[in-house]
Amino acid sequence: ARQVQQLDLYRQAAAAVGVAANAQDMRSSQLIDGKIWDGSNPAAY
């Protein structure tokens, strides 16, 4: 994911056009089956 997601480039572009960019690289979500996905343990997930 660190190879593919161009976070630095995106944040530079966002700053240049005045768009706020979250400083966090992860977010947390709950899916329909109740499972929480936050990227913390992908193999176990």
PDB file of all heavy atoms in Angstrom:
ATOM      1  N   ALA A   1       0.836  -1.209   0.000  1.00  0.00           N
ATOM      2  CA  ALA A   1       0.000   0.000   0.000  1.00  0.00           C
ATOM      3  C   ALA A   1       0.867   1.254   0.000  1.00  0.00           C
ATOM      4  O   ALA A   1       0.544   2.238  -0.677  1.00  0.00           O
ATOM      5  CB  ALA A   1      -0.944  -0.007   1.195  1.00  0.00           C
ATOM      6  N   ARG A   2       1.971   1.227   0.739  1.00  0.00           N
ATOM      7  CA  ARG A   2       2.868   2.401   0.766  1.00  0.00           C
ATOM      8  C   ARG A   2       3.503   2.650  -0.598  1.00  0.00           C
ATOM      9  O   ARG A   2       3.781   3.792  -0.950  1.00  0.00           O
ATOM     10  CB  ARG A   2       3.955   2.212   1.828  1.00  0.00           C
ATOM     11  CG  ARG A   2       3.449   2.485   3.241  1.00  0.00           C
ATOM     12  CD  ARG A   2       4.594   2.587   4.242  1.00  0.00           C
ATOM     13  NE  ARG A   2       4.121   3.069   5.526  1.00  0.00           N
ATOM     14  CZ  ARG A   2       4.352   2.459   6.691  1.00  0.00           C
ATOM     15  NH1 ARG A   2       5.047   1.334   6.718  1.00  0.00           N
ATOM     16  NH2 ARG A   2       3.886   2.967   7.815  1.00  0.00           N
ATOM     17  N   GLN A   3       3.737   1.579  -1.356  1.00  0.00           N
ATOM     18  CA  GLN A   3       4.273   1.746  -2.716  1.00  0.00           C
ATOM     19  C   GLN A   3       3.229   2.359  -3.651  1.00  0.00           C
ATOM     20  O   GLN A   3       3.539   3.242  -4.452  1.00  0.00           O
ATOM     21  CB  GLN A   3       4.691   0.380  -3.296  1.00  0.00           C
ATOM     22  CG  GLN A   3       5.922  -0.239  -2.681  1.00  0.00           C
ATOM     23  CD  GLN A   3       6.068  -1.708  -3.079  1.00  0.00           C
ATOM     24  OE1 GLN A   3       5.413  -2.179  -4.022  1.00  0.00           O
ATOM     25  NE2 GLN A   3       6.901  -2.439  -2.366  1.00  0.00           N
ATOM     26  N   VAL A   4       1.995   1.877  -3.549  1.00  0.00           N
ATOM     27  CA  VAL A   4       0.971   2.232  -4.536  1.00  0.00           C
ATOM     28  C   VAL A   4       0.315   3.589  -4.230  1.00  0.00           C
ATOM     29  O   VAL A   4       0.159   4.425  -5.128  1.00  0.00           O
ATOM     30  CB  VAL A   4      -0.104   1.126  -4.617  1.00  0.00           C
ATOM     31  CG1 VAL A   4      -1.233   1.531  -5.580  1.00  0.00           C
ATOM     32  CG2 VAL A   4       0.518  -0.199  -5.064  1.00  0.00           C
ATOM     33  N   GLN A   5      -0.077   3.803  -2.982  1.00  0.00           N
ATOM     34  CA  GLN A   5      -0.804   5.032  -2.618  1.00  0.00           C
ATOM     35  C   GLN A   5       0.166   6.218  -2.600  1.00  0.00           C
ATOM     36  O   GLN A   5       1.089   6.254  -1.794  1.00  0.00           O
ATOM     37  CB  GLN A   5      -1.469   4.886  -1.243  1.00  0.00           C
ATOM     38  CG  GLN A   5      -2.308   3.614  -1.043  1.00  0.00           C
ATOM     39  CD  GLN A   5      -3.579   3.579  -1.842  1.00  0.00           C
ATOM     40  OE1 GLN A   5      -3.544   3.266  -3.019  1.00  0.00           O
ATOM     41  NE2 GLN A   5      -4.699   3.877  -1.209  1.00  0.00           N
ATOM     42  N   GLN A   6      -0.072   7.194  -3.456  1.00  0.00           N
ATOM     43  CA  GLN A   6       0.844   8.338  -3.596  1.00  0.00           C
ATOM     44  C   GLN A   6       0.449   9.448  -2.623  1.00  0.00           C
ATOM     45  O   GLN A   6       0.039  10.544  -3.005  1.00  0.00           O
ATOM     46  CB  GLN A   6       0.816   8.835  -5.039  1.00  0.00           C
ATOM     47  CG  GLN A   6       1.152   7.771  -6.071  1.00  0.00           C
ATOM     48  CD  GLN A   6       2.582   7.264  -5.969  1.00  0.00           C
ATOM     49  OE1 GLN A   6       3.529   8.052  -6.033  1.00  0.00           O
ATOM     50  NE2 GLN A   6       2.756   5.962  -5.804  1.00  0.00           N
ATOM     51  N   LEU A   7       0.617   9.152  -1.333  1.00  0.00           N
ATOM     52  CA  LEU A   7       0.137  10.072  -0.297  1.00  0.00           C
ATOM     53  C   LEU A   7       0.862  11.410  -0.310  1.00  0.00           C
ATOM     54  O   LEU A   7       0.237  12.469  -0.163  1.00  0.00           O
ATOM     55  CB  LEU A   7       0.265   9.413   1.082  1.00  0.00           C
ATOM     56  CG  LEU A   7      -0.888   8.469   1.452  1.00  0.00           C
ATOM     57  CD1 LEU A   7      -0.495   7.565   2.608  1.00  0.00           C
ATOM     58  CD2 LEU A   7      -2.147   9.258   1.804  1.00  0.00           C
ATOM     59  N   ASP A   8       2.184  11.397  -0.478  1.00  0.00           N
ATOM     60  CA  ASP A   8       2.939  12.663  -0.452  1.00  0.00           C
ATOM     61  C   ASP A   8       2.514  13.554  -1.608  1.00  0.00           C
ATOM     62  O   ASP A   8       2.264  14.749  -1.430  1.00  0.00           O
ATOM     63  CB  ASP A   8       4.454  12.404  -0.515  1.00  0.00           C
ATOM     64  CG  ASP A   8       4.984  11.800   0.784  1.00  0.00           C
ATOM     65  OD1 ASP A   8       4.239  11.813   1.787  1.00  0.00           O
ATOM     66  OD2 ASP A   8       6.137  11.318   0.795  1.00  0.00           O
ATOM     67  N   LEU A   9       2.460  12.974  -2.783  1.00  0.00           N
ATOM     68  CA  LEU A   9       2.072  13.748  -3.963  1.00  0.00           C
ATOM     69  C   LEU A   9       0.654  14.293  -3.793  1.00  0.00           C
ATOM     70  O   LEU A   9       0.381  15.465  -4.088  1.00  0.00           O
ATOM     71  CB  LEU A   9       2.172  12.864  -5.210  1.00  0.00           C
ATOM     72  CG  LEU A   9       1.898  13.537  -6.561  1.00  0.00           C
ATOM     73  CD1 LEU A   9       2.816  12.957  -7.631  1.00  0.00           C
ATOM     74  CD2 LEU A   9       0.447  13.361  -6.997  1.00  0.00           C
ATOM     75  N   TYR A  10      -0.251  13.448  -3.288  1.00  0.00           N
ATOM     76  CA  TYR A  10      -1.623  13.900  -3.085  1.00  0.00           C
ATOM     77  C   TYR A  10      -1.665  15.072  -2.112  1.00  0.00           C
ATOM     78  O   TYR A  10      -2.354  16.086  -2.363  1.00  0.00           O
ATOM     79  CB  TYR A  10      -2.530  12.769  -2.573  1.00  0.00           C
ATOM     80  CG  TYR A  10      -3.887  13.319  -2.205  1.00  0.00           C
ATOM     81  CD1 TYR A  10      -4.836  13.569  -3.197  1.00  0.00           C
ATOM     82  CD2 TYR A  10      -4.182  13.703  -0.901  1.00  0.00           C
ATOM     83  CE1 TYR A  10      -6.047  14.167  -2.892  1.00  0.00           C
ATOM     84  CE2 TYR A  10      -5.401  14.302  -0.584  1.00  0.00           C
ATOM     85  CZ  TYR A  10      -6.323  14.534  -1.579  1.00  0.00           C
ATOM     86  OH  TYR A  10      -7.512  15.147  -1.283  1.00  0.00           O
ATOM     87  N   ARG A  11      -0.956  14.963  -1.002  1.00  0.00           N
ATOM     88  CA  ARG A  11      -1.009  16.032   0.007  1.00  0.00           C
ATOM     89  C   ARG A  11      -0.422  17.339  -0.521  1.00  0.00           C
ATOM     90  O   ARG A  11      -0.914  18.416  -0.194  1.00  0.00           O
ATOM     91  CB  ARG A  11      -0.303  15.569   1.285  1.00  0.00           C
ATOM     92  CG  ARG A  11      -1.136  14.533   2.060  1.00  0.00           C
ATOM     93  CD  ARG A  11      -0.540  14.196   3.415  1.00  0.00           C
ATOM     94  NE  ARG A  11      -1.456  13.376   4.197  1.00  0.00           N
ATOM     95  CZ  ARG A  11      -1.194  12.138   4.624  1.00  0.00           C
ATOM     96  NH1 ARG A  11      -0.020  11.577   4.347  1.00  0.00           N
ATOM     97  NH2 ARG A  11      -2.092  11.464   5.326  1.00  0.00           N
ATOM     98  N   GLN A  12       0.604  17.242  -1.355  1.00  0.00           N
ATOM     99  CA  GLN A  12       1.151  18.452  -1.990  1.00  0.00           C
ATOM    100  C   GLN A  12       0.094  19.106  -2.882  1.00  0.00           C
ATOM    101  O   GLN A  12      -0.111  20.319  -2.851  1.00  0.00           O
ATOM    102  CB  GLN A  12       2.379  18.108  -2.838  1.00  0.00           C
ATOM    103  CG  GLN A  12       3.614  17.691  -2.059  1.00  0.00           C
ATOM    104  CD  GLN A  12       4.643  17.015  -2.964  1.00  0.00           C
ATOM    105  OE1 GLN A  12       4.582  17.091  -4.180  1.00  0.00           O
ATOM    106  NE2 GLN A  12       5.600  16.328  -2.345  1.00  0.00           N
ATOM    107  N   ALA A  13      -0.577  18.275  -3.691  1.00  0.00           N
ATOM    108  CA  ALA A  13      -1.601  18.796  -4.598  1.00  0.00           C
ATOM    109  C   ALA A  13      -2.764  19.409  -3.817  1.00  0.00           C
ATOM    110  O   ALA A  13      -3.257  20.499  -4.157  1.00  0.00           O
ATOM    111  CB  ALA A  13      -2.110  17.678  -5.512  1.00  0.00           C
ATOM    112  N   ALA A  14      -3.192  18.722  -2.761  1.00  0.00           N
ATOM    113  CA  ALA A  14      -4.316  19.214  -1.957  1.00  0.00           C
ATOM    114  C   ALA A  14      -3.968  20.562  -1.315  1.00  0.00           C
ATOM    115  O   ALA A  14      -4.774  21.505  -1.346  1.00  0.00           O
ATOM    116  CB  ALA A  14      -4.684  18.187  -0.892  1.00  0.00           C
ATOM    117  N   ALA A  15      -2.765  20.667  -0.760  1.00  0.00           N
ATOM    118  CA  ALA A  15      -2.347  21.926  -0.132  1.00  0.00           C
ATOM    119  C   ALA A  15      -2.334  23.058  -1.154  1.00  0.00           C
ATOM    120  O   ALA A  15      -2.729  24.193  -0.855  1.00  0.00           O
ATOM    121  CB  ALA A  15      -0.963  21.755   0.499  1.00  0.00           C
ATOM    122  N   ALA A  16      -1.912  22.747  -2.367  1.00  0.00           N
ATOM    123  CA  ALA A  16      -1.797  23.770  -3.410  1.00  0.00           C
ATOM    124  C   ALA A  16      -3.152  24.338  -3.830  1.00  0.00           C
ATOM    125  O   ALA A  16      -3.240  25.481  -4.275  1.00  0.00           O
ATOM    126  CB  ALA A  16      -1.074  23.198  -4.630  1.00  0.00           C
ATOM    127  N   VAL A  17      -4.222  23.544  -3.686  1.00  0.00           N
ATOM    128  CA  VAL A  17      -5.556  24.042  -4.068  1.00  0.00           C
ATOM    129  C   VAL A  17      -6.453  24.278  -2.845  1.00  0.00           C
ATOM    130  O   VAL A  17      -7.671  24.416  -2.974  1.00  0.00           O
ATOM    131  CB  VAL A  17      -6.263  23.101  -5.082  1.00  0.00           C
ATOM    132  CG1 VAL A  17      -5.510  23.096  -6.404  1.00  0.00           C
ATOM    133  CG2 VAL A  17      -6.413  21.682  -4.540  1.00  0.00           C
ATOM    134  N   GLY A  18      -5.829  24.317  -1.663  1.00  0.00           N
ATOM    135  CA  GLY A  18      -6.564  24.667  -0.457  1.00  0.00           C
ATOM    136  C   GLY A  18      -7.552  23.625   0.015  1.00  0.00           C
ATOM    137  O   GLY A  18      -8.598  23.948   0.576  1.00  0.00           O
ATOM    138  N   VAL A  19      -7.222  22.357  -0.203  1.00  0.00           N
ATOM    139  CA  VAL A  19      -8.073  21.258   0.271  1.00  0.00           C
ATOM    140  C   VAL A  19      -7.416  20.613   1.488  1.00  0.00           C
ATOM    141  O   VAL A  19      -6.236  20.256   1.438  1.00  0.00           O
ATOM    142  CB  VAL A  19      -8.285  20.198  -0.837  1.00  0.00           C
ATOM    143  CG1 VAL A  19      -9.010  18.969  -0.280  1.00  0.00           C
ATOM    144  CG2 VAL A  19      -9.068  20.791  -1.998  1.00  0.00           C
ATOM    145  N   ALA A  20      -8.155  20.490   2.561  1.00  0.00           N
ATOM    146  CA  ALA A  20      -7.616  19.867   3.773  1.00  0.00           C
ATOM    147  C   ALA A  20      -7.309  18.397   3.504  1.00  0.00           C
ATOM    148  O   ALA A  20      -8.094  17.705   2.844  1.00  0.00           O
ATOM    149  CB  ALA A  20      -8.628  19.980   4.907  1.00  0.00           C
ATOM    150  N   ALA A  21      -6.165  17.941   3.995  1.00  0.00           N
ATOM    151  CA  ALA A  21      -5.793  16.527   3.845  1.00  0.00           C
ATOM    152  C   ALA A  21      -5.504  15.957   5.229  1.00  0.00           C
ATOM    153  O   ALA A  21      -4.644  16.460   5.948  1.00  0.00           O
ATOM    154  CB  ALA A  21      -4.576  16.385   2.937  1.00  0.00           C
ATOM    155  N   ASN A  22      -6.242  14.939   5.593  1.00  0.00           N
ATOM    156  CA  ASN A  22      -6.061  14.279   6.887  1.00  0.00           C
ATOM    157  C   ASN A  22      -4.599  13.866   7.062  1.00  0.00           C
ATOM    158  O   ASN A  22      -3.991  13.318   6.150  1.00  0.00           O
ATOM    159  CB  ASN A  22      -6.973  13.039   6.923  1.00  0.00           C
ATOM    160  CG  ASN A  22      -7.091  12.446   8.309  1.00  0.00           C
ATOM    161  OD1 ASN A  22      -6.230  12.629   9.159  1.00  0.00           O
ATOM    162  ND2 ASN A  22      -8.175  11.712   8.533  1.00  0.00           N
ATOM    163  N   ALA A  23      -4.060  14.118   8.232  1.00  0.00           N
ATOM    164  CA  ALA A  23      -2.666  13.738   8.510  1.00  0.00           C
ATOM    165  C   ALA A  23      -2.549  12.235   8.746  1.00  0.00           C
ATOM    166  O   ALA A  23      -1.449  11.675   8.680  1.00  0.00           O
ATOM    167  CB  ALA A  23      -2.151  14.494   9.721  1.00  0.00           C
ATOM    168  N   GLN A  24      -3.679  11.568   9.009  1.00  0.00           N
ATOM    169  CA  GLN A  24      -3.664  10.123   9.249  1.00  0.00           C
ATOM    170  C   GLN A  24      -3.648   9.376   7.913  1.00  0.00           C
ATOM    171  O   GLN A  24      -4.287   9.795   6.959  1.00  0.00           O
ATOM    172  CB  GLN A  24      -4.905   9.700  10.043  1.00  0.00           C
ATOM    173  CG  GLN A  24      -5.072  10.407  11.376  1.00  0.00           C
ATOM    174  CD  GLN A  24      -3.905  10.154  12.318  1.00  0.00           C
ATOM    175  OE1 GLN A  24      -3.467   9.018  12.469  1.00  0.00           O
ATOM    176  NE2 GLN A  24      -3.405  11.206  12.935  1.00  0.00           N
ATOM    177  N   ASP A  25      -2.926   8.254   7.886  1.00  0.00           N
ATOM    178  CA  ASP A  25      -2.877   7.423   6.678  1.00  0.00           C
ATOM    179  C   ASP A  25      -3.915   6.303   6.710  1.00  0.00           C
ATOM    180  O   ASP A  25      -4.069   5.571   5.735  1.00  0.00           O
ATOM    181  CB  ASP A  25      -1.488   6.791   6.516  1.00  0.00           C
ATOM    182  CG  ASP A  25      -0.400   7.826   6.304  1.00  0.00           C
ATOM    183  OD1 ASP A  25      -0.737   8.987   5.984  1.00  0.00           O
ATOM    184  OD2 ASP A  25       0.783   7.482   6.472  1.00  0.00           O
ATOM    185  N   MET A  26      -4.576   6.140   7.865  1.00  0.00           N
ATOM    186  CA  MET A  26      -5.573   5.077   8.053  1.00  0.00           C
ATOM    187  C   MET A  26      -6.888   5.703   8.501  1.00  0.00           C
ATOM    188  O   MET A  26      -6.918   6.814   9.027  1.00  0.00           O
ATOM    189  CB  MET A  26      -5.111   4.086   9.132  1.00  0.00           C
ATOM    190  CG  MET A  26      -3.793   3.393   8.839  1.00  0.00           C
ATOM    191  SD  MET A  26      -3.937   2.089   7.596  1.00  0.00           S
ATOM    192  CE  MET A  26      -2.305   1.323   7.766  1.00  0.00           C
ATOM    193  N   ARG A  27      -7.981   4.969   8.306  1.00  0.00           N
ATOM    194  CA  ARG A  27      -9.286   5.356   8.849  1.00  0.00           C
ATOM    195  C   ARG A  27      -9.970   4.085   9.340  1.00  0.00           C
ATOM    196  O   ARG A  27      -9.564   2.978   8.980  1.00  0.00           O
ATOM    197  CB  ARG A  27     -10.128   6.081   7.798  1.00  0.00           C
ATOM    198  CG  ARG A  27     -10.482   5.253   6.563  1.00  0.00           C
ATOM    199  CD  ARG A  27     -11.197   6.093   5.512  1.00  0.00           C
ATOM    200  NE  ARG A  27     -11.563   5.306   4.332  1.00  0.00           N
ATOM    201  CZ  ARG A  27     -12.812   5.200   3.854  1.00  0.00           C
ATOM    202  NH1 ARG A  27     -13.810   5.804   4.471  1.00  0.00           N
ATOM    203  NH2 ARG A  27     -13.061   4.491   2.773  1.00  0.00           N
ATOM    204  N   SER A  28     -10.983   4.245  10.162  1.00  0.00           N
ATOM    205  CA  SER A  28     -11.672   3.083  10.728  1.00  0.00           C
ATOM    206  C   SER A  28     -13.111   3.047  10.230  1.00  0.00           C
ATOM    207  O   SER A  28     -13.774   4.077  10.170  1.00  0.00           O
ATOM    208  CB  SER A  28     -11.663   3.166  12.259  1.00  0.00           C
ATOM    209  OG  SER A  28     -12.308   2.041  12.817  1.00  0.00           O
ATOM    210  N   SER A  29     -13.578   1.848   9.841  1.00  0.00           N
ATOM    211  CA  SER A  29     -14.929   1.690   9.308  1.00  0.00           C
ATOM    212  C   SER A  29     -15.555   0.419   9.861  1.00  0.00           C
ATOM    213  O   SER A  29     -14.858  -0.557  10.142  1.00  0.00           O
ATOM    214  CB  SER A  29     -14.894   1.572   7.780  1.00  0.00           C
ATOM    215  OG  SER A  29     -14.175   2.623   7.188  1.00  0.00           O
ATOM    216  N   GLN A  30     -16.880   0.428   9.983  1.00  0.00           N
ATOM    217  CA  GLN A  30     -17.622  -0.790  10.340  1.00  0.00           C
ATOM    218  C   GLN A  30     -18.453  -1.226   9.148  1.00  0.00           C
ATOM    219  O   GLN A  30     -19.206  -0.426   8.584  1.00  0.00           O
ATOM    220  CB  GLN A  30     -18.526  -0.559  11.547  1.00  0.00           C
ATOM    221  CG  GLN A  30     -19.221  -1.851  12.002  1.00  0.00           C
ATOM    222  CD  GLN A  30     -19.893  -1.714  13.350  1.00  0.00           C
ATOM    223  OE1 GLN A  30     -20.216  -0.620  13.793  1.00  0.00           O
ATOM    224  NE2 GLN A  30     -20.123  -2.828  14.022  1.00  0.00           N
ATOM    225  N   LEU A  31     -18.299  -2.489   8.754  1.00  0.00           N
ATOM    226  CA  LEU A  31     -18.999  -3.014   7.591  1.00  0.00           C
ATOM    227  C   LEU A  31     -20.293  -3.714   7.997  1.00  0.00           C
ATOM    228  O   LEU A  31     -20.588  -3.862   9.184  1.00  0.00           O
ATOM    229  CB  LEU A  31     -18.080  -3.940   6.790  1.00  0.00           C
ATOM    230  CG  LEU A  31     -17.139  -3.187   5.816  1.00  0.00           C
ATOM    231  CD1 LEU A  31     -16.075  -2.381   6.539  1.00  0.00           C
ATOM    232  CD2 LEU A  31     -16.491  -4.142   4.822  1.00  0.00           C
ATOM    233  N   ILE A  32     -21.034  -4.168   7.018  1.00  0.00           N
ATOM    234  CA  ILE A  32     -22.390  -4.692   7.197  1.00  0.00           C
ATOM    235  C   ILE A  32     -22.446  -5.881   8.163  1.00  0.00           C
ATOM    236  O   ILE A  32     -23.448  -6.098   8.845  1.00  0.00           O
ATOM    237  CB  ILE A  32     -22.999  -5.085   5.821  1.00  0.00           C
ATOM    238  CG1 ILE A  32     -24.493  -5.391   5.942  1.00  0.00           C
ATOM    239  CG2 ILE A  32     -22.236  -6.234   5.184  1.00  0.00           C
ATOM    240  CD1 ILE A  32     -25.187  -5.597   4.600  1.00  0.00           C
ATOM    241  N   ASP A  33     -21.355  -6.653   8.240  1.00  0.00           N
ATOM    242  CA  ASP A  33     -21.340  -7.832   9.119  1.00  0.00           C
ATOM    243  C   ASP A  33     -20.862  -7.500  10.525  1.00  0.00           C
ATOM    244  O   ASP A  33     -20.655  -8.401  11.349  1.00  0.00           O
ATOM    245  CB  ASP A  33     -20.470  -8.935   8.514  1.00  0.00           C
ATOM    246  CG  ASP A  33     -19.077  -8.432   8.133  1.00  0.00           C
ATOM    247  OD1 ASP A  33     -18.739  -7.269   8.468  1.00  0.00           O
ATOM    248  OD2 ASP A  33     -18.329  -9.197   7.486  1.00  0.00           O
ATOM    249  N   GLY A  34     -20.676  -6.215  10.804  1.00  0.00           N
ATOM    250  CA  GLY A  34     -20.257  -5.789  12.138  1.00  0.00           C
ATOM    251  C   GLY A  34     -18.752  -5.720  12.329  1.00  0.00           C
ATOM    252  O   GLY A  34     -18.271  -5.222  13.342  1.00  0.00           O
ATOM    253  N   LYS A  35     -17.999  -6.225  11.355  1.00  0.00           N
ATOM    254  CA  LYS A  35     -16.542  -6.220  11.480  1.00  0.00           C
ATOM    255  C   LYS A  35     -15.983  -4.802  11.335  1.00  0.00           C
ATOM    256  O   LYS A  35     -16.459  -4.019  10.509  1.00  0.00           O
ATOM    257  CB  LYS A  35     -15.896  -7.114  10.418  1.00  0.00           C
ATOM    258  CG  LYS A  35     -16.056  -8.603  10.696  1.00  0.00           C
ATOM    259  CD  LYS A  35     -15.295  -9.426   9.667  1.00  0.00           C
ATOM    260  CE  LYS A  35     -15.507 -10.907   9.883  1.00  0.00           C
ATOM    261  NZ  LYS A  35     -14.856 -11.389  11.102  1.00  0.00           N
ATOM    262  N   ILE A  36     -14.980  -4.517  12.126  1.00  0.00           N
ATOM    263  CA  ILE A  36     -14.279  -3.229  12.054  1.00  0.00           C
ATOM    264  C   ILE A  36     -13.034  -3.402  11.193  1.00  0.00           C
ATOM    265  O   ILE A  36     -12.255  -4.343  11.395  1.00  0.00           O
ATOM    266  CB  ILE A  36     -13.848  -2.746  13.459  1.00  0.00           C
ATOM    267  CG1 ILE A  36     -15.060  -2.626  14.398  1.00  0.00           C
ATOM    268  CG2 ILE A  36     -13.084  -1.423  13.362  1.00  0.00           C
ATOM    269  CD1 ILE A  36     -15.996  -1.487  14.112  1.00  0.00           C
ATOM    270  N   TRP A  37     -12.851  -2.504  10.247  1.00  0.00           N
ATOM    271  CA  TRP A  37     -11.631  -2.504   9.437  1.00  0.00           C
ATOM    272  C   TRP A  37     -10.897  -1.189   9.653  1.00  0.00           C
ATOM    273  O   TRP A  37     -11.436  -0.113   9.378  1.00  0.00           O
ATOM    274  CB  TRP A  37     -11.947  -2.676   7.948  1.00  0.00           C
ATOM    275  CG  TRP A  37     -10.759  -2.392   7.062  1.00  0.00           C
ATOM    276  CD1 TRP A  37     -10.628  -1.382   6.164  1.00  0.00           C
ATOM    277  CD2 TRP A  37      -9.527  -3.133   7.023  1.00  0.00           C
ATOM    278  NE1 TRP A  37      -9.388  -1.440   5.555  1.00  0.00           N
ATOM    279  CE2 TRP A  37      -8.692  -2.502   6.075  1.00  0.00           C
ATOM    280  CE3 TRP A  37      -9.040  -4.252   7.697  1.00  0.00           C
ATOM    281  CZ2 TRP A  37      -7.410  -2.952   5.766  1.00  0.00           C
ATOM    282  CZ3 TRP A  37      -7.766  -4.705   7.401  1.00  0.00           C
ATOM    283  CH2 TRP A  37      -6.971  -4.072   6.454  1.00  0.00           C
ATOM    284  N   ASP A  38      -9.675  -1.290  10.172  1.00  0.00           N
ATOM    285  CA  ASP A  38      -8.870  -0.081  10.369  1.00  0.00           C
ATOM    286  C   ASP A  38      -7.429  -0.261   9.887  1.00  0.00           C
ATOM    287  O   ASP A  38      -6.577   0.593  10.135  1.00  0.00           O
ATOM    288  CB  ASP A  38      -8.882   0.339  11.846  1.00  0.00           C
ATOM    289  CG  ASP A  38      -8.326  -0.742  12.776  1.00  0.00           C
ATOM    290  OD1 ASP A  38      -7.775  -1.745  12.279  1.00  0.00           O
ATOM    291  OD2 ASP A  38      -8.443  -0.581  14.007  1.00  0.00           O
ATOM    292  N   GLY A  39      -7.179  -1.383   9.205  1.00  0.00           N
ATOM    293  CA  GLY A  39      -5.845  -1.607   8.648  1.00  0.00           C
ATOM    294  C   GLY A  39      -4.825  -2.128   9.637  1.00  0.00           C
ATOM    295  O   GLY A  39      -3.663  -2.336   9.276  1.00  0.00           O
ATOM    296  N   SER A  40      -5.237  -2.369  10.897  1.00  0.00           N
ATOM    297  CA  SER A  40      -4.228  -2.656  11.937  1.00  0.00           C
ATOM    298  C   SER A  40      -3.667  -4.073  11.871  1.00  0.00           C
ATOM    299  O   SER A  40      -2.515  -4.285  12.218  1.00  0.00           O
ATOM    300  CB  SER A  40      -4.806  -2.379  13.328  1.00  0.00           C
ATOM    301  OG  SER A  40      -5.936  -3.201  13.553  1.00  0.00           O
ATOM    302  N   ASN A  41      -4.457  -5.057  11.448  1.00  0.00           N
ATOM    303  CA  ASN A  41      -3.937  -6.428  11.369  1.00  0.00           C
ATOM    304  C   ASN A  41      -4.544  -7.130  10.161  1.00  0.00           C
ATOM    305  O   ASN A  41      -5.430  -7.976  10.287  1.00  0.00           O
ATOM    306  CB  ASN A  41      -4.242  -7.198  12.662  1.00  0.00           C
ATOM    307  CG  ASN A  41      -3.402  -8.465  12.757  1.00  0.00           C
ATOM    308  OD1 ASN A  41      -2.915  -8.987  11.743  1.00  0.00           O
ATOM    309  ND2 ASN A  41      -3.228  -8.971  13.967  1.00  0.00           N
ATOM    310  N   PRO A  42      -4.061  -6.781   8.976  1.00  0.00           N
ATOM    311  CA  PRO A  42      -4.726  -7.260   7.749  1.00  0.00           C
ATOM    312  C   PRO A  42      -4.702  -8.773   7.572  1.00  0.00           C
ATOM    313  O   PRO A  42      -5.678  -9.350   7.095  1.00  0.00           O
ATOM    314  CB  PRO A  42      -3.962  -6.552   6.628  1.00  0.00           C
ATOM    315  CG  PRO A  42      -2.662  -6.107   7.241  1.00  0.00           C
ATOM    316  CD  PRO A  42      -2.945  -5.864   8.679  1.00  0.00           C
ATOM    317  N   ALA A  43      -3.600  -9.426   7.967  1.00  0.00           N
ATOM    318  CA  ALA A  43      -3.521 -10.879   7.777  1.00  0.00           C
ATOM    319  C   ALA A  43      -4.573 -11.586   8.628  1.00  0.00           C
ATOM    320  O   ALA A  43      -5.265 -12.505   8.155  1.00  0.00           O
ATOM    321  CB  ALA A  43      -2.122 -11.380   8.121  1.00  0.00           C
ATOM    322  N   ALA A  44      -4.719 -11.153   9.882  1.00  0.00           N
ATOM    323  CA  ALA A  44      -5.736 -11.744  10.761  1.00  0.00           C
ATOM    324  C   ALA A  44      -7.138 -11.412  10.257  1.00  0.00           C
ATOM    325  O   ALA A  44      -8.043 -12.258  10.284  1.00  0.00           O
ATOM    326  CB  ALA A  44      -5.557 -11.239  12.189  1.00  0.00           C
ATOM    327  N   TYR A  45      -7.331 -10.197   9.778  1.00  0.00           N
ATOM    328  CA  TYR A  45      -8.638  -9.789   9.242  1.00  0.00           C
ATOM    329  C   TYR A  45      -9.023 -10.673   8.055  1.00  0.00           C
ATOM    330  O   TYR A  45     -10.153 -11.160   7.972  1.00  0.00           O
ATOM    331  CB  TYR A  45      -8.567  -8.314   8.831  1.00  0.00           C
ATOM    332  CG  TYR A  45      -9.832  -7.760   8.202  1.00  0.00           C
ATOM    333  CD1 TYR A  45     -10.894  -7.325   8.986  1.00  0.00           C
ATOM    334  CD2 TYR A  45      -9.953  -7.642   6.815  1.00  0.00           C
ATOM    335  CE1 TYR A  45     -12.057  -6.804   8.407  1.00  0.00           C
ATOM    336  CE2 TYR A  45     -11.106  -7.123   6.225  1.00  0.00           C
ATOM    337  CZ  TYR A  45     -12.156  -6.706   7.034  1.00  0.00           C
ATOM    338  OH  TYR A  45     -13.289  -6.200   6.446  1.00  0.00           O
TER     339      TYR A  45
END
